PDB file of N, CA and C in Angstrom:
ATOM      1  N   MET A   1      12.566   0.052   2.878  1.00  0.00           N
ATOM      2  CA  MET A   1      11.112  -0.990   2.960  1.00  0.00           C
ATOM      3  C   MET A   1      11.549  -1.599   2.128  1.00  0.00           C
ATOM      4  N   LYS A   2      10.870  -2.931   3.150  1.00  0.00           N
ATOM      5  CA  LYS A   2      10.756  -4.095   2.015  1.00  0.00           C
ATOM      6  C   LYS A   2       9.688  -4.156   1.764  1.00  0.00           C
ATOM      7  N   TRP A   3       9.047  -5.767   1.376  1.00  0.00           N
ATOM      8  CA  TRP A   3       7.706  -5.629   1.001  1.00  0.00           C
ATOM      9  C   TRP A   3       6.774  -6.186   2.860  1.00  0.00           C
ATOM     10  N   ASN A   4       7.861  -6.939   3.520  1.00  0.00           N
ATOM     11  CA  ASN A   4       7.335  -6.924   4.521  1.00  0.00           C
ATOM     12  C   ASN A   4       6.877  -5.790   5.908  1.00  0.00           C
ATOM     13  N   ASP A   5       7.385  -4.958   4.973  1.00  0.00           N
ATOM     14  CA  ASP A   5       6.910  -3.257   5.541  1.00  0.00           C
ATOM     15  C   ASP A   5       5.869  -2.959   6.187  1.00  0.00           C
ATOM     16  N   TYR A   6       4.744  -4.159   6.141  1.00  0.00           N
ATOM     17  CA  TYR A   6       3.180  -3.395   5.978  1.00  0.00           C
ATOM     18  C   TYR A   6       2.697  -2.085   5.662  1.00  0.00           C
ATOM     19  N   GLU A   7       3.422  -1.827   7.533  1.00  0.00           N
ATOM     20  CA  GLU A   7       2.673  -0.849   7.869  1.00  0.00           C
ATOM     21  C   GLU A   7       3.662   0.932   7.583  1.00  0.00           C
ATOM     22  N   ASP A   8       4.773   0.523   7.179  1.00  0.00           N
ATOM     23  CA  ASP A   8       5.806   1.843   6.832  1.00  0.00           C
ATOM     24  C   ASP A   8       4.716   2.103   5.232  1.00  0.00           C
ATOM     25  N   ILE A   9       4.397   0.781   4.809  1.00  0.00           N
ATOM     26  CA  ILE A   9       4.373   0.570   2.699  1.00  0.00           C
ATOM     27  C   ILE A   9       3.246   1.628   3.249  1.00  0.00           C
ATOM     28  N   ALA A  10       2.234   1.280   4.302  1.00  0.00           N
ATOM     29  CA  ALA A  10       0.626   1.706   3.764  1.00  0.00           C
ATOM     30  C   ALA A  10       0.169   2.502   4.152  1.00  0.00           C
ATOM     31  N   MET A  11       1.699   3.686   5.101  1.00  0.00           N
ATOM     32  CA  MET A  11       1.545   4.934   6.019  1.00  0.00           C
ATOM     33  C   MET A  11       1.971   6.286   4.863  1.00  0.00           C
ATOM     34  N   ALA A  12       3.288   5.514   3.928  1.00  0.00           N
ATOM     35  CA  ALA A  12       3.513   6.298   2.943  1.00  0.00           C
ATOM     36  C   ALA A  12       1.929   5.969   2.123  1.00  0.00           C
ATOM     37  N   LEU A  13       1.988   5.448   1.522  1.00  0.00           N
ATOM     38  CA  LEU A  13       0.606   5.314   0.474  1.00  0.00           C
ATOM     39  C   LEU A  13      -0.241   6.736   0.667  1.00  0.00           C
ATOM     40  N   TYR A  14      -0.877   5.923   2.190  1.00  0.00           N
ATOM     41  CA  TYR A  14      -1.801   7.389   2.997  1.00  0.00           C
ATOM     42  C   TYR A  14      -1.181   8.833   3.142  1.00  0.00           C
ATOM     43  N   GLU A  15       0.362   9.187   2.946  1.00  0.00           N
ATOM     44  CA  GLU A  15       0.611  10.235   2.736  1.00  0.00           C
ATOM     45  C   GLU A  15       0.587  10.430   1.600  1.00  0.00           C
ATOM     46  N   LYS A  16       0.866   9.618   0.371  1.00  0.00           N
ATOM     47  CA  LYS A  16       0.348   9.723  -0.455  1.00  0.00           C
ATOM     48  C   LYS A  16      -0.777  10.445  -1.650  1.00  0.00           C
ATOM     49  N   PHE A  17      -1.221   9.636  -0.931  1.00  0.00           N
ATOM     50  CA  PHE A  17      -3.090   9.986  -1.614  1.00  0.00           C
ATOM     51  C   PHE A  17      -3.917  10.428  -0.691  1.00  0.00           C
ATOM     52  N   GLY A  18      -3.453  10.172   0.958  1.00  0.00           N
ATOM     53  CA  GLY A  18      -4.581  10.904   1.803  1.00  0.00           C
ATOM     54  C   GLY A  18      -5.926  10.527   1.732  1.00  0.00           C
ATOM     55  N   ASP A  19      -6.974  11.036   1.364  1.00  0.00           N
ATOM     56  CA  ASP A  19      -8.738  10.486   2.029  1.00  0.00           C
ATOM     57  C   ASP A  19      -9.541  10.478   0.533  1.00  0.00           C
ATOM     58  N   GLU A  20      -7.815  10.838  -0.065  1.00  0.00           N
ATOM     59  CA  GLU A  20      -8.736  10.460  -1.694  1.00  0.00           C
ATOM     60  C   GLU A  20      -9.272   9.027  -2.277  1.00  0.00           C
ATOM     61  N   PHE A  21      -8.372   7.922  -1.654  1.00  0.00           N
ATOM     62  CA  PHE A  21      -8.411   7.036  -1.830  1.00  0.00           C
ATOM     63  C   PHE A  21      -9.799   6.602  -0.195  1.00  0.00           C
ATOM     64  N   GLY A  22     -10.839   6.164   0.369  1.00  0.00           N
ATOM     65  CA  GLY A  22     -11.070   5.792   1.003  1.00  0.00           C
ATOM     66  C   GLY A  22     -11.121   4.232   1.228  1.00  0.00           C
ATOM     67  N   GLU A  23     -11.958   3.606   2.303  1.00  0.00           N
ATOM     68  CA  GLU A  23     -11.920   2.094   2.394  1.00  0.00           C
ATOM     69  C   GLU A  23     -12.502   1.627   1.403  1.00  0.00           C
ATOM     70  N   ASN A  24     -13.696   1.785   0.820  1.00  0.00           N
ATOM     71  CA  ASN A  24     -13.834   1.541  -0.162  1.00  0.00           C
ATOM     72  C   ASN A  24     -12.660   1.248  -1.916  1.00  0.00           C
ATOM     73  N   LYS A  25     -12.046   2.197  -1.667  1.00  0.00           N
ATOM     74  CA  LYS A  25     -11.706   2.644  -3.361  1.00  0.00           C
ATOM     75  C   LYS A  25     -10.541   1.440  -2.806  1.00  0.00           C
ATOM     76  N   ILE A  26      -9.908   1.930  -1.675  1.00  0.00           N
ATOM     77  CA  ILE A  26      -9.021   0.748  -1.616  1.00  0.00           C
ATOM     78  C   ILE A  26      -8.378  -0.434  -2.010  1.00  0.00           C
ATOM     79  N   TYR A  27     -10.265  -1.267  -1.687  1.00  0.00           N
ATOM     80  CA  TYR A  27      -9.976  -2.692  -1.680  1.00  0.00           C
ATOM     81  C   TYR A  27     -10.343  -2.642  -3.014  1.00  0.00           C
ATOM     82  N   ARG A  28     -10.571  -2.206  -4.429  1.00  0.00           N
ATOM     83  CA  ARG A  28     -10.891  -1.650  -5.753  1.00  0.00           C
ATOM     84  C   ARG A  28      -9.893  -1.650  -6.029  1.00  0.00           C
ATOM     85  N   ILE A  29      -8.592  -1.055  -5.769  1.00  0.00           N
ATOM     86  CA  ILE A  29      -7.603  -1.066  -6.178  1.00  0.00           C
ATOM     87  C   ILE A  29      -6.821  -2.447  -6.521  1.00  0.00           C
ATOM     88  N   ARG A  30      -6.878  -2.549  -7.944  1.00  0.00           N
ATOM     89  CA  ARG A  30      -5.791  -4.044  -8.640  1.00  0.00           C
ATOM     90  C   ARG A  30      -4.837  -3.567  -8.542  1.00  0.00           C
ATOM     91  N   PHE A  31      -4.146  -4.930  -8.324  1.00  0.00           N
ATOM     92  CA  PHE A  31      -3.064  -5.588  -8.092  1.00  0.00           C
ATOM     93  C   PHE A  31      -1.873  -4.507  -8.850  1.00  0.00           C
ATOM     94  N   THR A  32      -2.203  -5.016  -9.865  1.00  0.00           N
ATOM     95  CA  THR A  32      -0.887  -4.378 -10.545  1.00  0.00           C
ATOM     96  C   THR A  32      -1.249  -2.840 -10.585  1.00  0.00           C
ATOM     97  N   ASP A  33      -2.088  -2.256 -10.176  1.00  0.00           N
ATOM     98  CA  ASP A  33      -2.219  -0.985  -9.645  1.00  0.00           C
ATOM     99  C   ASP A  33      -0.917  -0.711  -8.364  1.00  0.00           C
ATOM    100  N   LEU A  34      -1.334  -1.448  -7.690  1.00  0.00           N
ATOM    101  CA  LEU A  34      -0.153  -1.538  -5.828  1.00  0.00           C
ATOM    102  C   LEU A  34       0.563  -1.466  -6.715  1.00  0.00           C
ATOM    103  N   LEU A  35       0.966  -2.811  -6.961  1.00  0.00           N
ATOM    104  CA  LEU A  35       2.252  -2.935  -6.909  1.00  0.00           C
ATOM    105  C   LEU A  35       3.274  -1.997  -7.613  1.00  0.00           C
ATOM    106  N   GLU A  36       2.632  -1.293  -8.656  1.00  0.00           N
ATOM    107  CA  GLU A  36       3.387   0.084  -9.545  1.00  0.00           C
ATOM    108  C   GLU A  36       3.403   1.083  -8.319  1.00  0.00           C
ATOM    109  N   TRP A  37       2.609   1.837  -7.427  1.00  0.00           N
ATOM    110  CA  TRP A  37       2.940   2.629  -6.417  1.00  0.00           C
ATOM    111  C   TRP A  37       3.413   2.014  -5.520  1.00  0.00           C
ATOM    112  N   VAL A  38       3.814   1.078  -4.868  1.00  0.00           N
ATOM    113  CA  VAL A  38       4.681   0.245  -4.577  1.00  0.00           C
ATOM    114  C   VAL A  38       5.893   0.838  -4.510  1.00  0.00           C
ATOM    115  N   LEU A  39       6.286   0.070  -5.550  1.00  0.00           N
ATOM    116  CA  LEU A  39       7.556   0.194  -6.108  1.00  0.00           C
ATOM    117  C   LEU A  39       8.386   1.884  -6.618  1.00  0.00           C
ATOM    118  N   SER A  40       7.200   2.716  -6.961  1.00  0.00           N
ATOM    119  CA  SER A  40       7.478   4.230  -7.272  1.00  0.00           C
ATOM    120  C   SER A  40       7.461   4.836  -5.680  1.00  0.00           C
ATOM    121  N   LEU A  41       7.255   4.275  -4.636  1.00  0.00           N
ATOM    122  CA  LEU A  41       7.774   5.218  -3.444  1.00  0.00           C
ATOM    123  C   LEU A  41       8.606   5.053  -3.245  1.00  0.00           C
ATOM    124  N   PRO A  42       9.247   7.073  -2.606  1.00  0.00           N
ATOM    125  CA  PRO A  42      10.804   7.223  -2.108  1.00  0.00           C
ATOM    126  C   PRO A  42      11.184   6.101  -1.221  1.00  0.00           C
ATOM    127  N   ASN A  43      12.838   5.539  -1.124  1.00  0.00           N
ATOM    128  CA  ASN A  43      12.554   4.620   0.121  1.00  0.00           C
ATOM    129  C   ASN A  43      12.293   2.942  -0.019  1.00  0.00           C
ATOM    130  N   PHE A  44      11.393   2.755  -0.948  1.00  0.00           N
ATOM    131  CA  PHE A  44      11.477   0.903  -1.411  1.00  0.00           C
ATOM    132  C   PHE A  44      12.176   0.525  -1.677  1.00  0.00           C
ATOM    133  N   GLU A  45      13.085  -0.660  -1.443  1.00  0.00           N
ATOM    134  CA  GLU A  45      14.022  -1.421  -2.099  1.00  0.00           C
ATOM    135  C   GLU A  45      13.407  -2.095  -2.054  1.00  0.00           C
ATOM    136  N   GLY A  46      12.362  -3.270  -2.090  1.00  0.00           N
ATOM    137  CA  GLY A  46      11.688  -4.171  -2.963  1.00  0.00           C
ATOM    138  C   GLY A  46      11.972  -4.383  -4.147  1.00  0.00           C
ATOM    139  N   LYS A  47      12.379  -5.906  -4.780  1.00  0.00           N
ATOM    140  CA  LYS A  47      12.105  -5.617  -5.832  1.00  0.00           C
ATOM    141  C   LYS A  47      10.647  -6.548  -6.516  1.00  0.00           C
ATOM    142  N   ARG A  48      10.303  -6.013  -7.358  1.00  0.00           N
ATOM    143  CA  ARG A  48       8.942  -6.863  -8.212  1.00  0.00           C
ATOM    144  C   ARG A  48       9.027  -8.151  -8.012  1.00  0.00           C
ATOM    145  N   GLU A  49       9.879  -8.830  -8.192  1.00  0.00           N
ATOM    146  CA  GLU A  49       9.812 -10.102  -8.183  1.00  0.00           C
ATOM    147  C   GLU A  49       9.775 -11.083  -7.139  1.00  0.00           C
ATOM    148  N   GLU A  50       9.988 -10.413  -6.181  1.00  0.00           N
ATOM    149  CA  GLU A  50       9.643 -10.857  -4.740  1.00  0.00           C
ATOM    150  C   GLU A  50       8.253 -10.043  -4.034  1.00  0.00           C
ATOM    151  N   ALA A  51       7.347  -9.544  -4.795  1.00  0.00           N
ATOM    152  CA  ALA A  51       5.755  -9.272  -4.565  1.00  0.00           C
ATOM    153  C   ALA A  51       5.008 -10.643  -4.956  1.00  0.00           C
ATOM    154  N   ASN A  52       3.744 -10.877  -3.812  1.00  0.00           N
ATOM    155  CA  ASN A  52       3.315 -11.676  -3.781  1.00  0.00           C
ATOM    156  C   ASN A  52       1.701 -11.248  -3.365  1.00  0.00           C
ATOM    157  N   GLU A  53       0.560 -12.225  -3.948  1.00  0.00           N
ATOM    158  CA  GLU A  53      -0.145 -11.644  -3.782  1.00  0.00           C
ATOM    159  C   GLU A  53      -0.734 -11.644  -1.809  1.00  0.00           C
ATOM    160  N   GLY A  54      -0.525 -12.029  -1.470  1.00  0.00           N
ATOM    161  CA  GLY A  54      -0.322 -12.150  -0.081  1.00  0.00           C
ATOM    162  C   GLY A  54       0.540 -10.762   0.136  1.00  0.00           C
ATOM    163  N   HIS A  55       1.549 -10.217   0.219  1.00  0.00           N
ATOM    164  CA  HIS A  55       2.419  -9.021   0.409  1.00  0.00           C
ATOM    165  C   HIS A  55       1.169  -8.012   0.303  1.00  0.00           C
ATOM    166  N   LEU A  56       0.670  -8.104  -1.092  1.00  0.00           N
ATOM    167  CA  LEU A  56      -0.177  -6.896  -1.557  1.00  0.00           C
ATOM    168  C   LEU A  56      -1.138  -6.163  -0.536  1.00  0.00           C
ATOM    169  N   GLU A  57      -2.145  -7.776  -0.444  1.00  0.00           N
ATOM    170  CA  GLU A  57      -3.326  -8.050   0.552  1.00  0.00           C
ATOM    171  C   GLU A  57      -3.136  -7.554   2.157  1.00  0.00           C
ATOM    172  N   GLN A  58      -2.201  -7.811   2.652  1.00  0.00           N
ATOM    173  CA  GLN A  58      -1.730  -6.739   3.594  1.00  0.00           C
ATOM    174  C   GLN A  58      -0.939  -5.344   4.091  1.00  0.00           C
ATOM    175  N   ILE A  59      -0.883  -4.886   2.658  1.00  0.00           N
ATOM    176  CA  ILE A  59      -0.328  -3.679   2.067  1.00  0.00           C
ATOM    177  C   ILE A  59      -2.001  -3.290   2.606  1.00  0.00           C
ATOM    178  N   GLN A  60      -2.941  -3.843   1.513  1.00  0.00           N
ATOM    179  CA  GLN A  60      -4.564  -3.032   1.433  1.00  0.00           C
ATOM    180  C   GLN A  60      -5.218  -3.100   2.842  1.00  0.00           C
ATOM    181  N   ALA A  61      -5.000  -4.005   3.206  1.00  0.00           N
ATOM    182  CA  ALA A  61      -5.483  -4.119   4.707  1.00  0.00           C
ATOM    183  C   ALA A  61      -5.152  -2.802   5.837  1.00  0.00           C
ATOM    184  N   LYS A  62      -3.774  -2.887   5.617  1.00  0.00           N
ATOM    185  CA  LYS A  62      -3.258  -2.092   6.076  1.00  0.00           C
ATOM    186  C   LYS A  62      -2.901   0.147   5.960  1.00  0.00           C
ATOM    187  N   TRP A  63      -2.876  -0.436   4.673  1.00  0.00           N
ATOM    188  CA  TRP A  63      -3.828   1.220   4.250  1.00  0.00           C
ATOM    189  C   TRP A  63      -5.055   1.241   5.016  1.00  0.00           C
ATOM    190  N   VAL A  64      -5.647   0.729   4.619  1.00  0.00           N
ATOM    191  CA  VAL A  64      -6.991   1.162   5.200  1.00  0.00           C
ATOM    192  C   VAL A  64      -7.480   1.080   6.647  1.00  0.00           C
ATOM    193  N   TYR A  65      -6.260   0.553   7.448  1.00  0.00           N
ATOM    194  CA  TYR A  65      -6.341   0.878   9.161  1.00  0.00           C
ATOM    195  C   TYR A  65      -5.544   1.856   9.480  1.00  0.00           C
ATOM    196  N   GLU A  66      -4.573   2.058   8.187  1.00  0.00           N
ATOM    197  CA  GLU A  66      -4.253   3.730   8.657  1.00  0.00           C
ATOM    198  C   GLU A  66      -5.185   4.953   7.432  1.00  0.00           C
ATOM    199  N   TRP A  67      -5.876   4.751   6.847  1.00  0.00           N
ATOM    200  CA  TRP A  67      -7.347   5.467   6.498  1.00  0.00           C
ATOM    201  C   TRP A  67      -8.689   5.516   7.672  1.00  0.00           C
ATOM    202  N   ARG A  68      -8.154   4.617   8.217  1.00  0.00           N
ATOM    203  CA  ARG A  68      -9.716   4.635   9.802  1.00  0.00           C
ATOM    204  C   ARG A  68      -9.197   5.538  10.630  1.00  0.00           C
ATOM    205  N   ASP A  69      -7.440   5.780  10.639  1.00  0.00           N
ATOM    206  CA  ASP A  69      -6.918   6.165  12.007  1.00  0.00           C
ATOM    207  C   ASP A  69      -7.222   7.948  11.516  1.00  0.00           C
ATOM    208  N   ASN A  70      -7.307   8.145  10.479  1.00  0.00           N
ATOM    209  CA  ASN A  70      -7.037   9.109  10.480  1.00  0.00           C
ATOM    210  C   ASN A  70      -7.898  10.275   9.848  1.00  0.00           C
ATOM    211  N   GLN A  71      -9.276   9.351   9.859  1.00  0.00           N
ATOM    212  CA  GLN A  71     -10.450   9.998  10.089  1.00  0.00           C
ATOM    213  C   GLN A  71     -11.008  10.582  11.195  1.00  0.00           C
TER     214      GLN A  71
END
């Protein structure tokens, strides 16, 4: 996975955290924390310096959609 693989990253985060993180909680995650969680995902090959706010916003949004789909 790379930074542009928003849906794959969101699915991996949902699998990791499950329903522990609902919509409101996902949108309150600090980008510094989200960045570390994404970098620690298995099969993630992106680099810290390639990350930007737009990537993190897209990951958050896709994670919320993934959470909604599983409710």
